[in-house]
Amino acid sequence: MSPKLTSPTPPADPRPPKIRLFSRSSWPEARHLADVLRTETVGGALLLSGAVIALVWANSPWSDSYTRLGDVVPWPGAPWHLDLDLATWAADGLLAIFFFVVGLELKREFVAGDLRDPRRAALPMAAALGGMVLPALIYVAVVLSGGGEGLRGWAIPTATDIAFALAVLAVVSSHLPQGLRAFLLTLAVVDDLFAITIIAIFYTADFHPVPLLAAFAPIGLFAVLVQRGRTWWWALIPLAIAAWTLMHASGVHATVAGVLLGFTVPVLARRRADGGQPASASAEAGEGGLAARLEHRWRPVSAGFAVPIFALFAAGVTLRGTDLGALLSDPIVIAIVAALVFGKSIGIFGSTYLLARFTRAELDEDITWVDLLGIALLAGVGFTVSLLIGDLAFGAGSTADDRVKAAVLLGSVISAGLAAAVLRRRNAAYRRVAQRERLDADGDGVPDVYQHPDAR
């Protein structure tokens, strides 16, 4: 009998498996994402309402009352430079709540979210970096070509407003797949990290080191309490106020205190007495982590009150009697609009394409490059942080500040319109994906695609 011939076993591929871009995350992460997006969508509607009211009021016959309201100083002669007007309190005080929530979300992403895995973190980090660098370069190039006035505002078009973006998605009834929604949220969170770093480094005036060093005392006490699971409001809130006050007195923008306080909060649940542990870091963070509980408590305050009130005071640019031709030809206005519309979209799309081109990454089966283009255009909606940086760069109420407000609004509206046009064309495909992501045939409360990834 002749010996049986066997085909040689092909050698194993030594290269790592290909990365799937925009693939679904775990079910606990998807559930957390849905809760966040639900709150931010409502907050986005309130933000838009605040901005519209500000624009109508500032251009109405009662525009003087709008200006006077923002100039009201609740307690003149207050110590520690706290004799601020209402518009400044909205920017420095209320936005500290917004950045506290950003700090909580950032830490959660690094400890239990997509950013804890370097392979999954590479995409939003690269996209956010591209979406920050290219808009800044476009802004600088346009301003230099127009004479160089206004270079200090280079960081205005670098951040994405997630609430505004989600409001746009709600208006166009877009059913984005979970992977794209996760990417958009993570991209916005990383954007905020870059933005607060830029604010702390480049927009600090009259720096005083002693109050800054003193601010770390209440921040440290806050950290000790939350790390031990002590959530006494009568202790934590005064410590947070003290940290904010000292940070403000130091010359560093006071919202930085909110981010630092958010970073101190533990994400993972404390070990249970029976020794049992949740199935994953994401589940542990969602089930019992203090960061999740504080975020659940404070995100509605941020999205439903702090950011809309800031928009009410910040978005009121007066256009009555303005030469629109001169406004639209102003180098600062052109720079901001071009950076938001083209810089953001090309920076995010281009960096993602290069990541896929030069690695083994490829798009998830449900996602196309057109979908990414829509998300990249949507990221050009830069409202809250852009207006904040505009105030810091040029001074609230200045002539340049009014141009910045008009440009941010115009660039955000154009970006939102283009994104809506692109995403609406794929809405039928998104709806089919959304139906699969909700299907729970066995009735166990977990959609089938998260238990059986191949379920179609």
Protein backbone atom coordinates (compact mmCIF):
# COMPACT_ATOMS: atom_id res chain seq x y z
CA MET A 1 0.00 0.00 0.00
CA SER A 2 1.38 3.33 -0.99
CA PRO A 3 1.85 5.83 1.83
CA LYS A 4 -0.94 8.35 2.26
CA LEU A 5 0.03 11.77 1.01
CA THR A 6 -0.81 14.72 3.24
CA SER A 7 -0.64 18.35 2.29
CA PRO A 8 1.76 20.40 4.37
CA THR A 9 0.23 22.64 7.01
CA PRO A 10 0.58 26.26 5.96
CA PRO A 11 2.71 28.30 8.33
CA ALA A 12 0.86 30.48 10.79
CA ASP A 13 0.65 34.14 9.92
CA PRO A 14 2.96 35.85 12.42
CA ARG A 15 1.23 39.19 11.91
CA PRO A 16 -1.43 40.32 14.40
CA PRO A 17 -5.06 40.03 13.32
CA LYS A 18 -6.55 42.92 11.40
CA ILE A 19 -8.20 45.71 13.34
CA ARG A 20 -11.87 46.36 12.60
CA LEU A 21 -12.51 50.09 12.59
CA PHE A 22 -15.86 51.23 14.05
CA SER A 23 -16.78 47.74 15.24
CA ARG A 24 -19.30 47.33 18.07
CA SER A 25 -18.07 47.55 21.61
CA SER A 26 -19.23 45.31 24.46
CA TRP A 27 -22.84 45.36 25.65
CA PRO A 28 -22.07 47.21 28.96
CA GLU A 29 -20.19 49.85 26.97
CA ALA A 30 -23.03 50.11 24.44
CA ARG A 31 -25.58 50.51 27.23
CA HIS A 32 -23.50 53.25 28.86
CA LEU A 33 -23.13 54.95 25.48
CA ALA A 34 -26.89 54.90 24.91
CA ASP A 35 -27.52 56.56 28.30
CA VAL A 36 -24.92 59.26 27.61
CA LEU A 37 -26.19 60.00 24.12
CA ARG A 38 -29.79 60.17 25.32
CA THR A 39 -28.90 62.85 27.88
CA GLU A 40 -26.64 64.76 25.50
CA THR A 41 -29.29 64.75 22.76
CA VAL A 42 -31.79 66.43 25.09
CA GLY A 43 -29.03 68.78 26.21
CA GLY A 44 -28.25 69.57 22.58
CA ALA A 45 -31.84 70.63 21.98
CA LEU A 46 -31.66 72.92 25.01
CA LEU A 47 -28.29 74.27 23.84
CA LEU A 48 -29.73 75.12 20.43
CA SER A 49 -32.69 76.77 22.14
CA GLY A 50 -30.36 78.89 24.26
CA ALA A 51 -28.33 79.92 21.21
CA VAL A 52 -31.46 80.82 19.20
CA ILE A 53 -32.89 82.86 22.08
CA ALA A 54 -29.56 84.69 22.42
CA LEU A 55 -29.42 85.50 18.70
CA VAL A 56 -33.03 86.69 18.53
CA TRP A 57 -32.71 88.72 21.75
CA ALA A 58 -29.39 90.32 20.73
CA ASN A 59 -30.87 91.42 17.39
CA SER A 60 -34.24 92.56 18.72
CA PRO A 61 -35.31 96.06 19.80
CA TRP A 62 -34.52 94.90 23.35
CA SER A 63 -30.89 94.07 22.61
CA ASP A 64 -29.69 96.54 25.27
CA SER A 65 -31.38 94.47 27.96
CA TYR A 66 -29.48 91.40 26.73
CA THR A 67 -26.17 93.23 27.04
CA ARG A 68 -27.07 94.65 30.46
CA LEU A 69 -28.04 91.20 31.75
CA GLY A 70 -24.64 89.78 30.86
CA ASP A 71 -22.91 92.75 32.52
CA VAL A 72 -24.69 92.37 35.88
CA VAL A 73 -22.21 91.74 38.72
CA PRO A 74 -24.06 89.80 41.45
CA TRP A 75 -21.60 90.65 44.24
CA PRO A 76 -19.27 93.57 43.46
CA GLY A 77 -16.08 93.95 45.46
CA ALA A 78 -15.85 90.22 46.21
CA PRO A 79 -12.39 88.90 47.22
CA TRP A 80 -10.26 86.49 45.17
CA HIS A 81 -11.24 88.30 41.93
CA LEU A 82 -14.78 86.91 42.20
CA ASP A 83 -16.53 90.16 41.31
CA LEU A 84 -17.48 88.66 37.93
CA ASP A 85 -20.44 89.51 35.72
CA LEU A 86 -23.09 86.92 34.86
CA ALA A 87 -21.61 86.18 31.42
CA THR A 88 -18.25 85.39 32.99
CA TRP A 89 -19.86 83.28 35.71
CA ALA A 90 -21.55 81.27 32.95
CA ALA A 91 -18.22 80.72 31.15
CA ASP A 92 -15.97 80.18 34.18
CA GLY A 93 -18.41 78.80 36.75
CA LEU A 94 -21.09 76.77 34.97
CA LEU A 95 -18.65 75.32 32.44
CA ALA A 96 -16.63 73.94 35.35
CA ILE A 97 -19.55 71.50 35.80
CA PHE A 98 -19.32 70.63 32.11
CA PHE A 99 -15.58 69.96 32.41
CA PHE A 100 -16.08 67.94 35.62
CA VAL A 101 -18.32 65.60 33.62
CA VAL A 102 -15.68 65.60 30.85
CA GLY A 103 -13.08 64.57 33.44
CA LEU A 104 -15.31 61.71 34.66
CA GLU A 105 -15.89 60.50 31.10
CA LEU A 106 -12.22 60.78 30.19
CA LYS A 107 -11.13 58.71 33.17
CA ARG A 108 -13.81 56.14 32.45
CA GLU A 109 -12.64 55.87 28.84
CA PHE A 110 -9.03 55.33 29.91
CA VAL A 111 -9.89 52.84 32.67
CA ALA A 112 -12.88 50.91 31.34
CA GLY A 113 -13.72 52.26 27.88
CA ASP A 114 -12.23 52.11 24.41
CA LEU A 115 -9.16 54.15 25.33
CA ARG A 116 -7.88 51.45 27.72
CA ASP A 117 -7.06 49.24 24.72
CA PRO A 118 -4.22 50.78 22.67
CA ARG A 119 -5.49 49.10 19.50
CA ARG A 120 -8.98 50.61 19.88
CA ALA A 121 -7.64 53.91 21.23
CA ALA A 122 -5.43 54.49 18.20
CA LEU A 123 -8.39 55.45 15.97
CA PRO A 124 -10.07 58.19 18.06
CA MET A 125 -6.70 59.53 19.22
CA ALA A 126 -5.37 59.79 15.66
CA ALA A 127 -8.65 61.25 14.38
CA ALA A 128 -8.83 63.79 17.20
CA LEU A 129 -5.21 64.80 16.65
CA GLY A 130 -5.79 65.24 12.92
CA GLY A 131 -9.00 67.11 13.64
CA MET A 132 -7.09 69.49 15.90
CA VAL A 133 -3.85 70.09 13.98
CA LEU A 134 -5.26 70.70 10.49
CA PRO A 135 -7.91 73.25 11.58
CA ALA A 136 -5.25 75.13 13.56
CA LEU A 137 -2.95 75.17 10.53
CA ILE A 138 -5.73 76.37 8.23
CA TYR A 139 -6.66 79.11 10.68
CA VAL A 140 -3.04 80.30 10.97
CA ALA A 141 -2.52 80.20 7.18
CA VAL A 142 -5.67 82.22 6.43
CA VAL A 143 -5.01 84.79 9.16
CA LEU A 144 -1.38 85.24 8.05
CA SER A 145 -2.50 85.76 4.47
CA GLY A 146 -4.86 88.48 5.71
CA GLY A 147 -2.22 90.42 7.63
CA GLY A 148 -1.65 88.32 10.75
CA GLU A 149 -4.19 89.98 13.06
CA GLY A 150 -5.93 87.45 15.30
CA LEU A 151 -3.32 84.68 15.50
CA ARG A 152 -4.13 84.25 19.19
CA GLY A 153 -7.38 82.55 18.19
CA TRP A 154 -5.68 79.59 16.49
CA ALA A 155 -7.30 77.08 18.88
CA ILE A 156 -10.89 78.23 18.33
CA PRO A 157 -11.77 75.61 15.66
CA THR A 158 -10.11 72.63 17.36
CA ALA A 159 -12.97 71.16 19.47
CA THR A 160 -16.19 69.28 18.65
CA ASP A 161 -19.45 70.04 20.47
CA ILE A 162 -20.98 66.61 21.09
CA ALA A 163 -24.34 67.99 22.32
CA PHE A 164 -24.79 70.20 19.25
CA ALA A 165 -23.73 67.31 16.98
CA LEU A 166 -26.21 64.91 18.57
CA ALA A 167 -28.98 67.48 18.24
CA VAL A 168 -28.24 67.56 14.51
CA LEU A 169 -28.50 63.76 14.36
CA ALA A 170 -31.82 63.91 16.20
CA VAL A 171 -33.17 66.51 13.79
CA VAL A 172 -32.28 64.41 10.72
CA SER A 173 -33.46 61.19 12.47
CA SER A 174 -30.19 59.42 11.76
CA HIS A 175 -29.84 55.86 13.12
CA LEU A 176 -26.06 55.62 13.30
CA PRO A 177 -24.60 52.16 14.00
CA GLN A 178 -23.28 51.71 17.53
CA GLY A 179 -19.65 51.70 16.36
CA LEU A 180 -20.00 55.11 14.73
CA ARG A 181 -21.82 56.56 17.73
CA ALA A 182 -19.08 55.27 20.04
CA PHE A 183 -16.43 56.77 17.76
CA LEU A 184 -18.18 60.15 17.72
CA LEU A 185 -18.48 60.28 21.52
CA THR A 186 -14.89 59.13 22.12
CA LEU A 187 -13.63 61.58 19.51
CA ALA A 188 -15.45 64.43 21.26
CA VAL A 189 -14.09 63.35 24.67
CA VAL A 190 -10.51 63.26 23.36
CA ASP A 191 -11.12 66.62 21.67
CA ASP A 192 -12.13 68.03 25.05
CA LEU A 193 -8.93 66.64 26.60
CA PHE A 194 -6.85 68.41 23.98
CA ALA A 195 -8.93 71.57 24.38
CA ILE A 196 -8.56 71.81 28.16
CA THR A 197 -4.80 71.19 27.76
CA ILE A 198 -4.60 74.04 25.24
CA ILE A 199 -6.59 76.33 27.55
CA ALA A 200 -4.36 75.55 30.52
CA ILE A 201 -1.10 76.05 28.60
CA PHE A 202 -1.80 78.78 26.05
CA TYR A 203 -4.61 80.84 27.56
CA THR A 204 -3.40 81.39 31.11
CA ALA A 205 -3.03 85.08 32.00
CA ASP A 206 -1.46 86.69 35.09
CA PHE A 207 -0.21 83.40 36.47
CA HIS A 208 0.10 83.23 40.28
CA PRO A 209 1.78 80.02 41.53
CA VAL A 210 0.78 80.26 45.21
CA PRO A 211 -3.02 79.96 44.65
CA LEU A 212 -2.37 77.20 42.10
CA LEU A 213 -0.35 75.18 44.62
CA ALA A 214 -2.99 75.88 47.26
CA ALA A 215 -5.69 74.54 44.93
CA PHE A 216 -4.18 71.07 45.15
CA ALA A 217 -5.05 70.89 48.86
CA PRO A 218 -8.86 70.78 48.38
CA ILE A 219 -8.39 68.65 45.25
CA GLY A 220 -6.32 66.20 47.33
CA LEU A 221 -8.92 66.08 50.11
CA PHE A 222 -11.63 65.58 47.49
CA ALA A 223 -9.60 62.67 46.08
CA VAL A 224 -9.16 61.05 49.50
CA LEU A 225 -12.90 61.16 50.17
CA VAL A 226 -14.02 59.79 46.80
CA GLN A 227 -11.34 57.09 46.79
CA ARG A 228 -12.74 55.90 50.12
CA GLY A 229 -16.27 55.98 48.78
CA ARG A 230 -17.35 58.97 50.87
CA THR A 231 -19.92 60.93 48.88
CA TRP A 232 -20.89 63.48 51.51
CA TRP A 233 -22.26 66.41 49.52
CA TRP A 234 -21.65 68.79 52.44
CA ALA A 235 -17.91 68.00 52.16
CA LEU A 236 -17.36 67.42 48.45
CA ILE A 237 -19.17 70.50 47.14
CA PRO A 238 -17.32 72.98 49.42
CA LEU A 239 -14.01 71.33 48.49
CA ALA A 240 -14.87 71.63 44.80
CA ILE A 241 -15.80 75.30 45.23
CA ALA A 242 -12.54 75.95 47.10
CA ALA A 243 -10.53 74.26 44.34
CA TRP A 244 -12.36 76.29 41.68
CA THR A 245 -11.80 79.56 43.58
CA LEU A 246 -8.07 78.99 44.07
CA MET A 247 -7.64 77.87 40.46
CA HIS A 248 -9.41 81.03 39.29
CA ALA A 249 -7.20 83.19 41.53
CA SER A 250 -4.08 81.53 40.07
CA GLY A 251 -4.80 82.80 36.56
CA VAL A 252 -5.28 79.29 35.15
CA HIS A 253 -8.77 78.99 33.70
CA ALA A 254 -11.00 77.80 36.51
CA THR A 255 -12.63 75.04 34.42
CA VAL A 256 -9.34 73.12 34.70
CA ALA A 257 -10.30 72.47 38.33
CA GLY A 258 -13.40 70.63 37.12
CA VAL A 259 -11.34 68.25 34.97
CA LEU A 260 -8.84 67.57 37.77
CA LEU A 261 -11.64 66.82 40.22
CA GLY A 262 -13.21 64.45 37.72
CA PHE A 263 -9.90 62.62 37.32
CA THR A 264 -9.77 61.85 41.06
CA VAL A 265 -13.02 59.85 41.10
CA PRO A 266 -12.61 56.04 40.99
CA VAL A 267 -14.13 54.35 37.96
CA LEU A 268 -14.20 50.71 39.03
CA ALA A 269 -16.51 49.45 41.77
CA ARG A 270 -15.08 48.73 45.17
CA ARG A 271 -14.49 45.02 45.79
CA ARG A 272 -17.54 43.29 47.13
CA ALA A 273 -17.48 41.51 50.45
CA ASP A 274 -18.21 38.11 48.84
CA GLY A 275 -15.19 38.50 46.56
CA GLY A 276 -17.34 38.38 43.43
CA GLN A 277 -16.44 40.56 40.49
CA PRO A 278 -18.38 41.75 37.46
CA ALA A 279 -17.53 40.11 34.18
CA SER A 280 -15.47 42.99 32.78
CA ALA A 281 -14.04 46.40 33.51
CA SER A 282 -16.85 47.99 31.50
CA ALA A 283 -19.48 46.12 33.51
CA GLU A 284 -17.73 46.96 36.78
CA ALA A 285 -17.55 50.64 35.88
CA GLY A 286 -21.23 50.73 34.96
CA GLU A 287 -22.57 48.63 37.83
CA GLY A 288 -20.98 50.25 40.84
CA GLY A 289 -18.21 52.68 39.97
CA LEU A 290 -18.47 56.03 41.71
CA ALA A 291 -17.56 57.83 38.47
CA ALA A 292 -20.62 56.33 36.78
CA ARG A 293 -22.88 57.38 39.66
CA LEU A 294 -21.55 60.94 39.75
CA GLU A 295 -21.72 61.19 35.98
CA HIS A 296 -25.33 59.99 36.04
CA ARG A 297 -26.08 62.69 38.62
CA TRP A 298 -24.18 65.61 37.12
CA ARG A 299 -24.44 65.05 33.35
CA PRO A 300 -28.11 66.20 33.27
CA VAL A 301 -27.07 69.33 35.20
CA SER A 302 -24.28 69.97 32.70
CA ALA A 303 -26.23 69.18 29.53
CA GLY A 304 -29.60 70.52 30.69
CA PHE A 305 -28.56 73.66 32.54
CA ALA A 306 -24.87 74.67 32.55
CA VAL A 307 -24.17 74.48 28.80
CA PRO A 308 -27.52 75.98 27.64
CA ILE A 309 -27.11 78.93 30.04
CA PHE A 310 -23.56 79.44 28.75
CA ALA A 311 -24.96 79.42 25.19
CA LEU A 312 -27.57 82.00 26.20
CA PHE A 313 -24.85 84.41 27.31
CA ALA A 314 -22.19 83.50 24.72
CA ALA A 315 -24.08 83.20 21.42
CA GLY A 316 -25.71 86.63 21.33
CA VAL A 317 -23.86 88.34 18.50
CA THR A 318 -25.53 91.51 17.21
CA LEU A 319 -25.82 91.69 13.42
CA ARG A 320 -28.03 94.76 13.19
CA GLY A 321 -26.19 97.53 11.37
CA THR A 322 -23.33 95.19 10.54
CA ASP A 323 -21.81 95.23 7.06
CA LEU A 324 -22.27 91.56 6.21
CA GLY A 325 -19.91 91.83 3.25
CA ALA A 326 -17.13 93.14 5.49
CA LEU A 327 -17.95 90.51 8.11
CA LEU A 328 -17.81 87.59 5.67
CA SER A 329 -14.56 88.86 4.15
CA ASP A 330 -12.86 89.29 7.53
CA PRO A 331 -9.77 87.01 7.78
CA ILE A 332 -10.75 85.76 11.26
CA VAL A 333 -14.24 84.80 10.07
CA ILE A 334 -12.92 83.09 6.93
CA ALA A 335 -10.25 81.28 8.97
CA ILE A 336 -12.71 79.89 11.52
CA VAL A 337 -15.32 78.84 8.95
CA ALA A 338 -12.71 77.18 6.70
CA ALA A 339 -11.07 75.45 9.67
CA LEU A 340 -14.37 74.07 10.99
CA VAL A 341 -15.82 72.99 7.65
CA PHE A 342 -12.69 71.80 5.81
CA GLY A 343 -10.04 71.44 8.50
CA LYS A 344 -12.08 69.25 10.80
CA SER A 345 -13.50 66.99 8.08
CA ILE A 346 -10.25 66.54 6.15
CA GLY A 347 -8.20 66.15 9.33
CA ILE A 348 -10.43 63.43 10.79
CA PHE A 349 -11.14 61.64 7.52
CA GLY A 350 -7.53 61.85 6.36
CA SER A 351 -5.97 60.64 9.60
CA THR A 352 -8.40 57.71 9.75
CA TYR A 353 -7.73 56.79 6.12
CA LEU A 354 -3.97 56.90 6.71
CA LEU A 355 -4.36 54.73 9.82
CA ALA A 356 -6.22 52.13 7.76
CA ARG A 357 -3.83 52.49 4.81
CA PHE A 358 -0.61 51.91 6.72
CA THR A 359 -1.85 49.29 9.21
CA ARG A 360 -3.87 46.09 8.84
CA ALA A 361 -7.03 47.96 9.85
CA GLU A 362 -10.17 47.80 7.77
CA LEU A 363 -13.70 49.11 8.14
CA ASP A 364 -16.40 47.11 9.88
CA GLU A 365 -18.74 45.36 7.45
CA ASP A 366 -21.62 47.75 8.21
CA ILE A 367 -19.54 50.92 7.73
CA THR A 368 -18.41 52.70 4.56
CA TRP A 369 -16.04 55.61 3.97
CA VAL A 370 -19.06 57.76 3.16
CA ASP A 371 -20.26 57.19 6.73
CA LEU A 372 -16.93 58.38 8.06
CA LEU A 373 -17.15 61.47 5.85
CA GLY A 374 -20.51 62.32 7.42
CA ILE A 375 -19.10 61.94 10.94
CA ALA A 376 -16.01 63.99 10.02
CA LEU A 377 -18.25 66.79 8.73
CA LEU A 378 -20.39 66.57 11.86
CA ALA A 379 -17.25 67.04 13.99
CA GLY A 380 -16.98 70.51 12.47
CA VAL A 381 -19.80 71.56 14.77
CA GLY A 382 -17.65 73.40 17.31
CA PHE A 383 -19.77 75.54 19.59
CA THR A 384 -19.29 75.52 23.38
CA VAL A 385 -15.50 75.16 23.67
CA SER A 386 -14.92 77.23 20.52
CA LEU A 387 -16.86 80.16 21.98
CA LEU A 388 -15.03 79.74 25.29
CA ILE A 389 -11.61 79.86 23.60
CA GLY A 390 -12.77 82.86 21.56
CA ASP A 391 -13.57 84.71 24.81
CA LEU A 392 -10.16 83.81 26.22
CA ALA A 393 -8.31 84.76 23.04
CA PHE A 394 -9.88 88.14 22.32
CA GLY A 395 -11.82 89.15 25.41
CA ALA A 396 -15.57 88.98 25.91
CA GLY A 397 -17.42 91.84 24.24
CA SER A 398 -14.56 92.89 21.97
CA THR A 399 -15.01 93.52 18.24
CA ALA A 400 -13.00 90.40 17.43
CA ASP A 401 -15.10 88.40 19.89
CA ASP A 402 -18.28 89.31 17.96
CA ARG A 403 -16.63 88.17 14.73
CA VAL A 404 -15.61 84.92 16.41
CA LYS A 405 -19.17 84.24 17.55
CA ALA A 406 -20.56 84.87 14.08
CA ALA A 407 -17.90 82.67 12.49
CA VAL A 408 -18.38 79.79 14.94
CA LEU A 409 -22.13 79.85 14.40
CA LEU A 410 -21.76 80.02 10.61
CA GLY A 411 -19.11 77.29 10.43
CA SER A 412 -21.09 75.02 12.75
CA VAL A 413 -24.31 75.48 10.75
CA ILE A 414 -22.54 74.76 7.43
CA SER A 415 -20.84 71.67 8.90
CA ALA A 416 -24.14 70.46 10.34
CA GLY A 417 -25.95 70.95 7.02
CA LEU A 418 -23.30 69.09 5.01
CA ALA A 419 -23.18 66.26 7.56
CA ALA A 420 -26.97 65.94 7.51
CA ALA A 421 -26.98 65.75 3.71
CA VAL A 422 -24.36 62.96 3.70
CA LEU A 423 -25.79 60.93 6.58
CA ARG A 424 -29.39 61.12 5.37
CA ARG A 425 -28.41 59.33 2.15
CA ARG A 426 -27.42 56.27 4.22
CA ASN A 427 -30.24 56.42 6.73
CA ALA A 428 -32.06 53.36 5.34
CA ALA A 429 -28.91 51.25 5.81
CA TYR A 430 -28.43 52.67 9.32
CA ARG A 431 -32.01 51.76 10.19
CA ARG A 432 -31.45 48.11 9.21
CA VAL A 433 -28.29 47.97 11.33
CA ALA A 434 -30.12 49.57 14.26
CA GLN A 435 -32.86 46.94 14.04
CA ARG A 436 -30.27 44.15 14.26
CA GLU A 437 -28.59 45.87 17.20
CA ARG A 438 -31.92 45.90 19.09
CA LEU A 439 -33.01 42.32 18.25
CA ASP A 440 -33.20 40.12 21.38
CA ALA A 441 -34.64 36.81 20.17
CA ASP A 442 -33.96 34.90 23.40
CA GLY A 443 -35.41 37.65 25.60
CA ASP A 444 -32.49 37.76 28.04
CA GLY A 445 -32.18 41.55 27.91
CA VAL A 446 -28.98 41.52 25.84
CA PRO A 447 -29.31 42.05 22.05
CA ASP A 448 -28.13 39.03 20.08
CA VAL A 449 -25.36 40.85 18.18
CA TYR A 450 -23.53 41.47 21.47
CA GLN A 451 -23.66 37.78 22.40
CA HIS A 452 -23.16 36.38 18.90
CA PRO A 453 -21.20 38.92 16.85
CA ASP A 454 -21.94 37.04 13.62
CA ALA A 455 -25.70 37.38 14.04
CA ARG A 456 -27.05 39.25 11.02
